[in-house]
């Protein structure tokens, strides 16, 4: 069975905007024509691709697999055209989207890949800093090509490349004399809890009830809160090396959080994909060492 290119293009456009009206406009066809192409594709595959509810469109499991197929197809086409038109056969070009948690994205991913991009001007990078659950969904929907996260995921369809570990230490502002308050992202952020469990060994029940927490949106907000004396926080060492107004409490007490690069396993990887993996594997490992 061979799938229609026009049907696949229609499907791919809907997944990019998650709206039939907008997708039809971008393809310059009527909404009814777009809907018919999707129906024909669903009939060819013998399954439903989109679930419609009050919240909007959602992809089925089959649709997420088909989306990755569409992405591979486009990647192969792009690479072929680049090699065909370029005077330099070693040139790297294309689009790469990568997401990570806040302590990694702006401090490490952007500098590393921006430097890499200056050597290969044909690459267009997109960077996203999100919470873990949102990153997983973005990878699943092919909104990002790579995800940098801790070790919480272990799925057969995902490649998982260890990059090292963030060294987390307990920090406060120099001459801090405020209350015993800890700064975290939100109530689900377990960094402080895990640190205090490891180095003070209280019971989980007593710990959760016994400490006071103040919530700040991301790691850079937490560091700003530290410098303004809002409390103490457990933060990655690589983010505070140049913060002269902050001091580390108990420097030998280090909570290591593993860092992994995730991407979907596929039978074909473009030269650009392979080059980005190699760059991150080398540079992030050095940065986290």
C-alpha atoms as a PDB file:
ATOM      1  CA  UNK A   1       0.000   0.000   0.000  1.00  0.00           C
ATOM      2  CA  UNK A   2       1.277   3.465  -0.921  1.00  0.00           C
ATOM      3  CA  UNK A   3      -0.032   6.503   0.956  1.00  0.00           C
ATOM      4  CA  UNK A   4      -1.069   9.562  -1.043  1.00  0.00           C
ATOM      5  CA  UNK A   5       1.378  12.469  -0.793  1.00  0.00           C
ATOM      6  CA  UNK A   6      -1.487  15.013  -0.795  1.00  0.00           C
ATOM      7  CA  UNK A   7      -3.155  13.123   2.062  1.00  0.00           C
ATOM      8  CA  UNK A   8       0.070  13.046   4.071  1.00  0.00           C
ATOM      9  CA  UNK A   9       0.676  16.758   3.436  1.00  0.00           C
ATOM     10  CA  UNK A  10      -2.857  17.519   4.628  1.00  0.00           C
ATOM     11  CA  UNK A  11      -2.369  15.419   7.746  1.00  0.00           C
ATOM     12  CA  UNK A  12       1.001  17.010   8.510  1.00  0.00           C
ATOM     13  CA  UNK A  13      -0.366  20.544   8.182  1.00  0.00           C
ATOM     14  CA  UNK A  14      -3.241  19.794  10.558  1.00  0.00           C
ATOM     15  CA  UNK A  15      -0.777  18.449  13.140  1.00  0.00           C
ATOM     16  CA  UNK A  16       1.259  21.658  12.905  1.00  0.00           C
ATOM     17  CA  UNK A  17      -1.617  24.046  13.605  1.00  0.00           C
ATOM     18  CA  UNK A  18      -4.108  21.628  15.239  1.00  0.00           C
ATOM     19  CA  UNK A  19      -6.950  23.400  13.502  1.00  0.00           C
ATOM     20  CA  UNK A  20      -8.701  22.337  10.274  1.00  0.00           C
ATOM     21  CA  UNK A  21      -9.647  25.874   9.211  1.00  0.00           C
ATOM     22  CA  UNK A  22      -6.105  27.234   9.600  1.00  0.00           C
ATOM     23  CA  UNK A  23      -4.599  24.164   7.948  1.00  0.00           C
ATOM     24  CA  UNK A  24      -6.885  24.538   4.927  1.00  0.00           C
ATOM     25  CA  UNK A  25      -5.889  28.199   4.582  1.00  0.00           C
ATOM     26  CA  UNK A  26      -2.190  27.347   4.662  1.00  0.00           C
ATOM     27  CA  UNK A  27      -2.679  24.642   2.015  1.00  0.00           C
ATOM     28  CA  UNK A  28      -4.840  26.998  -0.050  1.00  0.00           C
ATOM     29  CA  UNK A  29      -7.724  24.523  -0.256  1.00  0.00           C
ATOM     30  CA  UNK A  30     -11.246  24.499   1.142  1.00  0.00           C
ATOM     31  CA  UNK A  31     -11.896  23.073   4.582  1.00  0.00           C
ATOM     32  CA  UNK A  32     -14.196  20.440   3.084  1.00  0.00           C
ATOM     33  CA  UNK A  33     -11.419  19.343   0.707  1.00  0.00           C
ATOM     34  CA  UNK A  34      -9.009  19.090   3.637  1.00  0.00           C
ATOM     35  CA  UNK A  35     -11.500  17.089   5.694  1.00  0.00           C
ATOM     36  CA  UNK A  36     -12.031  14.720   2.770  1.00  0.00           C
ATOM     37  CA  UNK A  37      -8.274  14.120   2.460  1.00  0.00           C
ATOM     38  CA  UNK A  38      -8.060  13.280   6.153  1.00  0.00           C
ATOM     39  CA  UNK A  39     -11.078  10.964   5.884  1.00  0.00           C
ATOM     40  CA  UNK A  40      -9.512   9.235   2.879  1.00  0.00           C
ATOM     41  CA  UNK A  41      -6.251   8.797   4.779  1.00  0.00           C
ATOM     42  CA  UNK A  42      -8.070   7.377   7.792  1.00  0.00           C
ATOM     43  CA  UNK A  43      -9.908   4.994   5.459  1.00  0.00           C
ATOM     44  CA  UNK A  44      -6.601   3.893   3.895  1.00  0.00           C
ATOM     45  CA  UNK A  45      -5.130   3.214   7.318  1.00  0.00           C
ATOM     46  CA  UNK A  46      -8.296   1.766   8.790  1.00  0.00           C
ATOM     47  CA  UNK A  47      -8.090   3.899  11.913  1.00  0.00           C
ATOM     48  CA  UNK A  48      -8.895   7.312  13.395  1.00  0.00           C
ATOM     49  CA  UNK A  49      -6.168   9.954  13.420  1.00  0.00           C
ATOM     50  CA  UNK A  50      -7.770  12.844  15.293  1.00  0.00           C
ATOM     51  CA  UNK A  51     -10.012  13.011  18.343  1.00  0.00           C
ATOM     52  CA  UNK A  52     -12.252  16.068  18.488  1.00  0.00           C
ATOM     53  CA  UNK A  53     -13.512  17.373  21.819  1.00  0.00           C
ATOM     54  CA  UNK A  54     -14.239  20.706  23.530  1.00  0.00           C
ATOM     55  CA  UNK A  55     -10.534  21.282  24.148  1.00  0.00           C
ATOM     56  CA  UNK A  56      -9.773  20.965  20.408  1.00  0.00           C
ATOM     57  CA  UNK A  57      -7.968  18.330  18.368  1.00  0.00           C
ATOM     58  CA  UNK A  58      -5.900  15.532  19.843  1.00  0.00           C
ATOM     59  CA  UNK A  59      -3.712  12.997  18.058  1.00  0.00           C
ATOM     60  CA  UNK A  60      -4.311   9.279  18.424  1.00  0.00           C
ATOM     61  CA  UNK A  61      -1.380   6.913  18.981  1.00  0.00           C
ATOM     62  CA  UNK A  62      -1.446   5.994  15.283  1.00  0.00           C
ATOM     63  CA  UNK A  63      -1.359   9.679  14.379  1.00  0.00           C
ATOM     64  CA  UNK A  64       1.751  10.317  16.486  1.00  0.00           C
ATOM     65  CA  UNK A  65       3.515   7.417  14.728  1.00  0.00           C
ATOM     66  CA  UNK A  66       2.410   8.709  11.326  1.00  0.00           C
ATOM     67  CA  UNK A  67       3.612  12.185  12.246  1.00  0.00           C
ATOM     68  CA  UNK A  68       7.124  10.853  12.869  1.00  0.00           C
ATOM     69  CA  UNK A  69       6.980   9.156   9.465  1.00  0.00           C
ATOM     70  CA  UNK A  70       6.069  12.494   7.871  1.00  0.00           C
ATOM     71  CA  UNK A  71       8.934  14.194   9.690  1.00  0.00           C
ATOM     72  CA  UNK A  72      11.434  11.575   8.471  1.00  0.00           C
ATOM     73  CA  UNK A  73      10.138  11.933   4.915  1.00  0.00           C
ATOM     74  CA  UNK A  74      10.556  15.699   5.003  1.00  0.00           C
ATOM     75  CA  UNK A  75      13.989  15.431   6.589  1.00  0.00           C
ATOM     76  CA  UNK A  76      15.173  13.081   3.850  1.00  0.00           C
ATOM     77  CA  UNK A  77      13.777  15.392   1.161  1.00  0.00           C
ATOM     78  CA  UNK A  78      15.428  18.441   2.728  1.00  0.00           C
ATOM     79  CA  UNK A  79      18.786  16.715   3.024  1.00  0.00           C
ATOM     80  CA  UNK A  80      18.636  15.522  -0.585  1.00  0.00           C
ATOM     81  CA  UNK A  81      17.837  19.034  -1.881  1.00  0.00           C
ATOM     82  CA  UNK A  82      20.564  20.614   0.246  1.00  0.00           C
ATOM     83  CA  UNK A  83      23.188  18.215  -1.077  1.00  0.00           C
ATOM     84  CA  UNK A  84      21.911  18.651  -4.623  1.00  0.00           C
ATOM     85  CA  UNK A  85      22.063  22.450  -4.581  1.00  0.00           C
ATOM     86  CA  UNK A  86      25.044  23.057  -2.325  1.00  0.00           C
ATOM     87  CA  UNK A  87      28.556  23.615  -3.631  1.00  0.00           C
ATOM     88  CA  UNK A  88      29.828  22.153  -0.362  1.00  0.00           C
ATOM     89  CA  UNK A  89      28.705  18.518   0.095  1.00  0.00           C
ATOM     90  CA  UNK A  90      29.639  18.694   3.800  1.00  0.00           C
ATOM     91  CA  UNK A  91      27.320  21.623   4.469  1.00  0.00           C
ATOM     92  CA  UNK A  92      24.757  21.130   7.218  1.00  0.00           C
ATOM     93  CA  UNK A  93      21.390  22.837   6.912  1.00  0.00           C
ATOM     94  CA  UNK A  94      17.842  22.409   8.120  1.00  0.00           C
ATOM     95  CA  UNK A  95      15.623  23.044  11.141  1.00  0.00           C
ATOM     96  CA  UNK A  96      16.202  21.662  14.616  1.00  0.00           C
ATOM     97  CA  UNK A  97      13.926  22.208  17.634  1.00  0.00           C
ATOM     98  CA  UNK A  98      15.152  21.279  21.094  1.00  0.00           C
ATOM     99  CA  UNK A  99      13.568  21.563  24.527  1.00  0.00           C
ATOM    100  CA  UNK A 100      14.922  21.257  28.034  1.00  0.00           C
ATOM    101  CA  UNK A 101      14.299  22.174  31.642  1.00  0.00           C
ATOM    102  CA  UNK A 102      15.107  25.740  32.611  1.00  0.00           C
ATOM    103  CA  UNK A 103      18.472  25.145  34.290  1.00  0.00           C
ATOM    104  CA  UNK A 104      19.814  23.611  31.069  1.00  0.00           C
ATOM    105  CA  UNK A 105      18.139  25.543  28.242  1.00  0.00           C
ATOM    106  CA  UNK A 106      19.459  29.094  28.451  1.00  0.00           C
ATOM    107  CA  UNK A 107      22.698  28.384  30.294  1.00  0.00           C
ATOM    108  CA  UNK A 108      23.955  25.433  28.223  1.00  0.00           C
ATOM    109  CA  UNK A 109      21.823  24.448  25.226  1.00  0.00           C
ATOM    110  CA  UNK A 110      21.601  27.912  23.667  1.00  0.00           C
ATOM    111  CA  UNK A 111      25.341  28.757  24.009  1.00  0.00           C
ATOM    112  CA  UNK A 112      26.465  25.329  22.770  1.00  0.00           C
ATOM    113  CA  UNK A 113      24.167  25.121  19.757  1.00  0.00           C
ATOM    114  CA  UNK A 114      24.484  28.825  18.899  1.00  0.00           C
ATOM    115  CA  UNK A 115      28.238  28.344  18.628  1.00  0.00           C
ATOM    116  CA  UNK A 116      27.625  25.240  16.506  1.00  0.00           C
ATOM    117  CA  UNK A 117      25.191  27.203  14.346  1.00  0.00           C
ATOM    118  CA  UNK A 118      27.785  29.872  13.602  1.00  0.00           C
ATOM    119  CA  UNK A 119      29.890  27.187  11.920  1.00  0.00           C
ATOM    120  CA  UNK A 120      26.881  25.989   9.905  1.00  0.00           C
ATOM    121  CA  UNK A 121      24.851  29.029   8.883  1.00  0.00           C
ATOM    122  CA  UNK A 122      22.205  26.944   7.158  1.00  0.00           C
ATOM    123  CA  UNK A 123      20.857  25.536  10.450  1.00  0.00           C
ATOM    124  CA  UNK A 124      17.804  27.131  12.053  1.00  0.00           C
ATOM    125  CA  UNK A 125      17.476  26.340  15.766  1.00  0.00           C
ATOM    126  CA  UNK A 126      14.395  26.711  17.951  1.00  0.00           C
ATOM    127  CA  UNK A 127      14.782  26.473  21.734  1.00  0.00           C
ATOM    128  CA  UNK A 128      12.063  25.744  24.297  1.00  0.00           C
ATOM    129  CA  UNK A 129      12.236  25.822  28.082  1.00  0.00           C
ATOM    130  CA  UNK A 130       9.316  23.883  29.566  1.00  0.00           C
ATOM    131  CA  UNK A 131       8.302  21.702  32.481  1.00  0.00           C
ATOM    132  CA  UNK A 132       8.973  17.973  32.116  1.00  0.00           C
ATOM    133  CA  UNK A 133       5.415  16.857  31.317  1.00  0.00           C
ATOM    134  CA  UNK A 134       5.045  19.499  28.623  1.00  0.00           C
ATOM    135  CA  UNK A 135       8.393  18.581  27.065  1.00  0.00           C
ATOM    136  CA  UNK A 136       7.349  14.941  26.788  1.00  0.00           C
ATOM    137  CA  UNK A 137       4.147  15.930  24.982  1.00  0.00           C
ATOM    138  CA  UNK A 138       6.051  18.263  22.644  1.00  0.00           C
ATOM    139  CA  UNK A 139       8.422  15.446  21.699  1.00  0.00           C
ATOM    140  CA  UNK A 140       5.489  13.104  21.177  1.00  0.00           C
ATOM    141  CA  UNK A 141       3.781  15.632  18.865  1.00  0.00           C
ATOM    142  CA  UNK A 142       7.065  16.207  16.970  1.00  0.00           C
ATOM    143  CA  UNK A 143       7.104  19.859  18.025  1.00  0.00           C
ATOM    144  CA  UNK A 144      10.688  19.291  19.147  1.00  0.00           C
ATOM    145  CA  UNK A 145      13.312  16.934  17.731  1.00  0.00           C
ATOM    146  CA  UNK A 146      15.293  16.541  20.951  1.00  0.00           C
ATOM    147  CA  UNK A 147      14.542  16.774  24.643  1.00  0.00           C
ATOM    148  CA  UNK A 148      17.008  17.228  27.509  1.00  0.00           C
ATOM    149  CA  UNK A 149      15.581  15.886  30.746  1.00  0.00           C
ATOM    150  CA  UNK A 150      16.445  13.833  33.807  1.00  0.00           C
ATOM    151  CA  UNK A 151      16.271  10.038  33.992  1.00  0.00           C
ATOM    152  CA  UNK A 152      12.512   9.704  34.538  1.00  0.00           C
ATOM    153  CA  UNK A 153      11.771   8.274  31.061  1.00  0.00           C
ATOM    154  CA  UNK A 154      12.647   4.826  29.818  1.00  0.00           C
ATOM    155  CA  UNK A 155      10.575   3.823  26.807  1.00  0.00           C
ATOM    156  CA  UNK A 156      11.433   1.428  23.997  1.00  0.00           C
ATOM    157  CA  UNK A 157      10.657   3.952  21.261  1.00  0.00           C
ATOM    158  CA  UNK A 158      13.001   6.578  22.731  1.00  0.00           C
ATOM    159  CA  UNK A 159      16.764   6.791  22.411  1.00  0.00           C
ATOM    160  CA  UNK A 160      18.261   7.857  25.756  1.00  0.00           C
ATOM    161  CA  UNK A 161      21.809   9.210  25.732  1.00  0.00           C
ATOM    162  CA  UNK A 162      23.437  10.009  29.122  1.00  0.00           C
ATOM    163  CA  UNK A 163      25.095  13.431  29.147  1.00  0.00           C
ATOM    164  CA  UNK A 164      26.268  13.658  32.743  1.00  0.00           C
ATOM    165  CA  UNK A 165      24.661  15.084  35.855  1.00  0.00           C
ATOM    166  CA  UNK A 166      23.843  18.472  37.339  1.00  0.00           C
ATOM    167  CA  UNK A 167      25.583  19.037  40.678  1.00  0.00           C
ATOM    168  CA  UNK A 168      22.988  20.617  42.987  1.00  0.00           C
ATOM    169  CA  UNK A 169      24.048  22.424  46.167  1.00  0.00           C
ATOM    170  CA  UNK A 170      22.280  24.316  48.930  1.00  0.00           C
ATOM    171  CA  UNK A 171      22.791  28.071  48.534  1.00  0.00           C
ATOM    172  CA  UNK A 172      21.860  31.304  50.271  1.00  0.00           C
ATOM    173  CA  UNK A 173      22.721  34.969  49.965  1.00  0.00           C
ATOM    174  CA  UNK A 174      25.890  36.064  51.738  1.00  0.00           C
ATOM    175  CA  UNK A 175      25.081  37.233  55.299  1.00  0.00           C
ATOM    176  CA  UNK A 176      21.537  35.849  54.938  1.00  0.00           C
ATOM    177  CA  UNK A 177      19.549  36.235  58.162  1.00  0.00           C
ATOM    178  CA  UNK A 178      16.019  35.619  56.972  1.00  0.00           C
ATOM    179  CA  UNK A 179      13.581  32.821  57.831  1.00  0.00           C
ATOM    180  CA  UNK A 180      14.227  29.147  57.067  1.00  0.00           C
ATOM    181  CA  UNK A 181      12.419  29.241  53.695  1.00  0.00           C
ATOM    182  CA  UNK A 182      13.284  27.224  50.595  1.00  0.00           C
ATOM    183  CA  UNK A 183      12.680  28.441  47.037  1.00  0.00           C
ATOM    184  CA  UNK A 184      11.291  25.935  44.516  1.00  0.00           C
ATOM    185  CA  UNK A 185       9.507  26.020  41.129  1.00  0.00           C
ATOM    186  CA  UNK A 186       6.163  24.757  42.441  1.00  0.00           C
ATOM    187  CA  UNK A 187       4.699  22.272  44.911  1.00  0.00           C
ATOM    188  CA  UNK A 188       5.622  19.361  42.609  1.00  0.00           C
ATOM    189  CA  UNK A 189       9.293  20.343  42.483  1.00  0.00           C
ATOM    190  CA  UNK A 190      11.056  17.692  44.585  1.00  0.00           C
ATOM    191  CA  UNK A 191      14.600  19.098  44.403  1.00  0.00           C
ATOM    192  CA  UNK A 192      14.663  20.532  47.927  1.00  0.00           C
ATOM    193  CA  UNK A 193      12.813  17.547  49.375  1.00  0.00           C
ATOM    194  CA  UNK A 194      15.242  15.091  47.787  1.00  0.00           C
ATOM    195  CA  UNK A 195      18.255  17.097  48.944  1.00  0.00           C
ATOM    196  CA  UNK A 196      17.058  17.264  52.548  1.00  0.00           C
ATOM    197  CA  UNK A 197      16.128  13.592  52.509  1.00  0.00           C
ATOM    198  CA  UNK A 198      19.602  12.659  51.336  1.00  0.00           C
ATOM    199  CA  UNK A 199      21.612  14.833  53.716  1.00  0.00           C
ATOM    200  CA  UNK A 200      19.346  15.173  56.771  1.00  0.00           C
ATOM    201  CA  UNK A 201      17.429  11.887  56.471  1.00  0.00           C
ATOM    202  CA  UNK A 202      14.114  12.988  58.051  1.00  0.00           C
ATOM    203  CA  UNK A 203      10.947  11.010  57.415  1.00  0.00           C
ATOM    204  CA  UNK A 204       9.096  11.940  54.254  1.00  0.00           C
ATOM    205  CA  UNK A 205       5.965  12.743  56.195  1.00  0.00           C
ATOM    206  CA  UNK A 206       7.699  14.999  58.653  1.00  0.00           C
ATOM    207  CA  UNK A 207       9.743  16.674  55.926  1.00  0.00           C
ATOM    208  CA  UNK A 208       6.777  17.576  53.732  1.00  0.00           C
ATOM    209  CA  UNK A 209       4.950  19.105  56.668  1.00  0.00           C
ATOM    210  CA  UNK A 210       7.930  20.645  58.359  1.00  0.00           C
ATOM    211  CA  UNK A 211       9.608  22.903  55.788  1.00  0.00           C
ATOM    212  CA  UNK A 212       8.418  26.230  54.441  1.00  0.00           C
ATOM    213  CA  UNK A 213       8.564  26.748  50.671  1.00  0.00           C
ATOM    214  CA  UNK A 214       8.232  29.782  48.429  1.00  0.00           C
ATOM    215  CA  UNK A 215       7.523  29.233  44.730  1.00  0.00           C
ATOM    216  CA  UNK A 216       9.251  30.984  41.845  1.00  0.00           C
ATOM    217  CA  UNK A 217       8.542  30.298  38.168  1.00  0.00           C
ATOM    218  CA  UNK A 218      11.922  28.996  36.938  1.00  0.00           C
ATOM    219  CA  UNK A 219      15.510  28.440  38.021  1.00  0.00           C
ATOM    220  CA  UNK A 220      16.607  31.942  37.043  1.00  0.00           C
ATOM    221  CA  UNK A 221      13.782  33.380  39.145  1.00  0.00           C
ATOM    222  CA  UNK A 222      14.957  31.217  42.027  1.00  0.00           C
ATOM    223  CA  UNK A 223      18.504  32.587  41.696  1.00  0.00           C
ATOM    224  CA  UNK A 224      17.120  36.141  41.593  1.00  0.00           C
ATOM    225  CA  UNK A 225      15.146  35.332  44.745  1.00  0.00           C
ATOM    226  CA  UNK A 226      18.323  34.092  46.415  1.00  0.00           C
ATOM    227  CA  UNK A 227      20.237  37.280  45.607  1.00  0.00           C
ATOM    228  CA  UNK A 228      17.378  39.330  47.085  1.00  0.00           C
ATOM    229  CA  UNK A 229      17.322  37.316  50.298  1.00  0.00           C
ATOM    230  CA  UNK A 230      13.970  35.586  49.853  1.00  0.00           C
ATOM    231  CA  UNK A 231      15.286  32.292  51.201  1.00  0.00           C
ATOM    232  CA  UNK A 232      17.587  29.358  50.543  1.00  0.00           C
ATOM    233  CA  UNK A 233      17.516  27.035  47.526  1.00  0.00           C
ATOM    234  CA  UNK A 234      19.041  23.889  46.076  1.00  0.00           C
ATOM    235  CA  UNK A 235      20.411  24.924  42.674  1.00  0.00           C
ATOM    236  CA  UNK A 236      22.788  23.591  39.995  1.00  0.00           C
ATOM    237  CA  UNK A 237      26.394  24.490  40.703  1.00  0.00           C
ATOM    238  CA  UNK A 238      27.098  25.462  37.086  1.00  0.00           C
ATOM    239  CA  UNK A 239      24.559  28.325  37.339  1.00  0.00           C
ATOM    240  CA  UNK A 240      26.067  30.076  40.352  1.00  0.00           C
ATOM    241  CA  UNK A 241      29.811  29.880  39.714  1.00  0.00           C
ATOM    242  CA  UNK A 242      29.953  33.620  38.973  1.00  0.00           C
ATOM    243  CA  UNK A 243      27.441  34.713  41.625  1.00  0.00           C
ATOM    244  CA  UNK A 244      29.769  36.325  44.156  1.00  0.00           C
ATOM    245  CA  UNK A 245      26.927  37.305  46.501  1.00  0.00           C
ATOM    246  CA  UNK A 246      25.857  33.681  47.024  1.00  0.00           C
ATOM    247  CA  UNK A 247      27.461  31.141  49.327  1.00  0.00           C
ATOM    248  CA  UNK A 248      27.231  27.343  49.291  1.00  0.00           C
ATOM    249  CA  UNK A 249      26.199  25.707  52.559  1.00  0.00           C
ATOM    250  CA  UNK A 250      27.879  22.344  53.172  1.00  0.00           C
ATOM    251  CA  UNK A 251      29.871  22.265  49.880  1.00  0.00           C
ATOM    252  CA  UNK A 252      30.471  18.516  50.160  1.00  0.00           C
ATOM    253  CA  UNK A 253      26.712  17.791  50.152  1.00  0.00           C
ATOM    254  CA  UNK A 254      25.908  17.465  46.445  1.00  0.00           C
ATOM    255  CA  UNK A 255      22.667  16.145  44.967  1.00  0.00           C
ATOM    256  CA  UNK A 256      23.371  14.767  41.503  1.00  0.00           C
ATOM    257  CA  UNK A 257      20.531  14.887  38.963  1.00  0.00           C
ATOM    258  CA  UNK A 258      21.220  12.826  35.812  1.00  0.00           C
ATOM    259  CA  UNK A 259      20.850  14.600  32.457  1.00  0.00           C
ATOM    260  CA  UNK A 260      19.817  12.696  29.326  1.00  0.00           C
ATOM    261  CA  UNK A 261      19.237  13.518  25.690  1.00  0.00           C
ATOM    262  CA  UNK A 262      16.034  11.937  24.346  1.00  0.00           C
ATOM    263  CA  UNK A 263      14.782  11.494  20.797  1.00  0.00           C
ATOM    264  CA  UNK A 264      12.617   8.987  18.989  1.00  0.00           C
ATOM    265  CA  UNK A 265      14.272   5.906  17.572  1.00  0.00           C
ATOM    266  CA  UNK A 266      13.996   5.818  13.783  1.00  0.00           C
ATOM    267  CA  UNK A 267      15.538   3.790  10.959  1.00  0.00           C
ATOM    268  CA  UNK A 268      17.090   6.868   9.317  1.00  0.00           C
ATOM    269  CA  UNK A 269      18.938   9.793  10.887  1.00  0.00           C
ATOM    270  CA  UNK A 270      19.957  12.773   8.779  1.00  0.00           C
ATOM    271  CA  UNK A 271      23.527  14.070   8.855  1.00  0.00           C
ATOM    272  CA  UNK A 272      22.214  17.136  10.681  1.00  0.00           C
ATOM    273  CA  UNK A 273      20.533  14.983  13.338  1.00  0.00           C
ATOM    274  CA  UNK A 274      23.712  12.948  13.840  1.00  0.00           C
ATOM    275  CA  UNK A 275      25.864  16.086  14.021  1.00  0.00           C
ATOM    276  CA  UNK A 276      23.629  17.700  16.669  1.00  0.00           C
ATOM    277  CA  UNK A 277      23.670  14.528  18.783  1.00  0.00           C
ATOM    278  CA  UNK A 278      27.479  14.371  18.561  1.00  0.00           C
ATOM    279  CA  UNK A 279      27.826  18.068  19.463  1.00  0.00           C
ATOM    280  CA  UNK A 280      25.549  17.829  22.491  1.00  0.00           C
ATOM    281  CA  UNK A 281      27.131  14.581  23.614  1.00  0.00           C
ATOM    282  CA  UNK A 282      30.586  16.170  23.564  1.00  0.00           C
ATOM    283  CA  UNK A 283      29.880  19.729  24.720  1.00  0.00           C
ATOM    284  CA  UNK A 284      27.232  19.048  27.380  1.00  0.00           C
ATOM    285  CA  UNK A 285      29.309  16.296  28.909  1.00  0.00           C
ATOM    286  CA  UNK A 286      32.221  18.730  29.196  1.00  0.00           C
ATOM    287  CA  UNK A 287      29.999  21.469  30.643  1.00  0.00           C
ATOM    288  CA  UNK A 288      28.493  19.159  33.266  1.00  0.00           C
ATOM    289  CA  UNK A 289      31.762  17.445  34.177  1.00  0.00           C
END
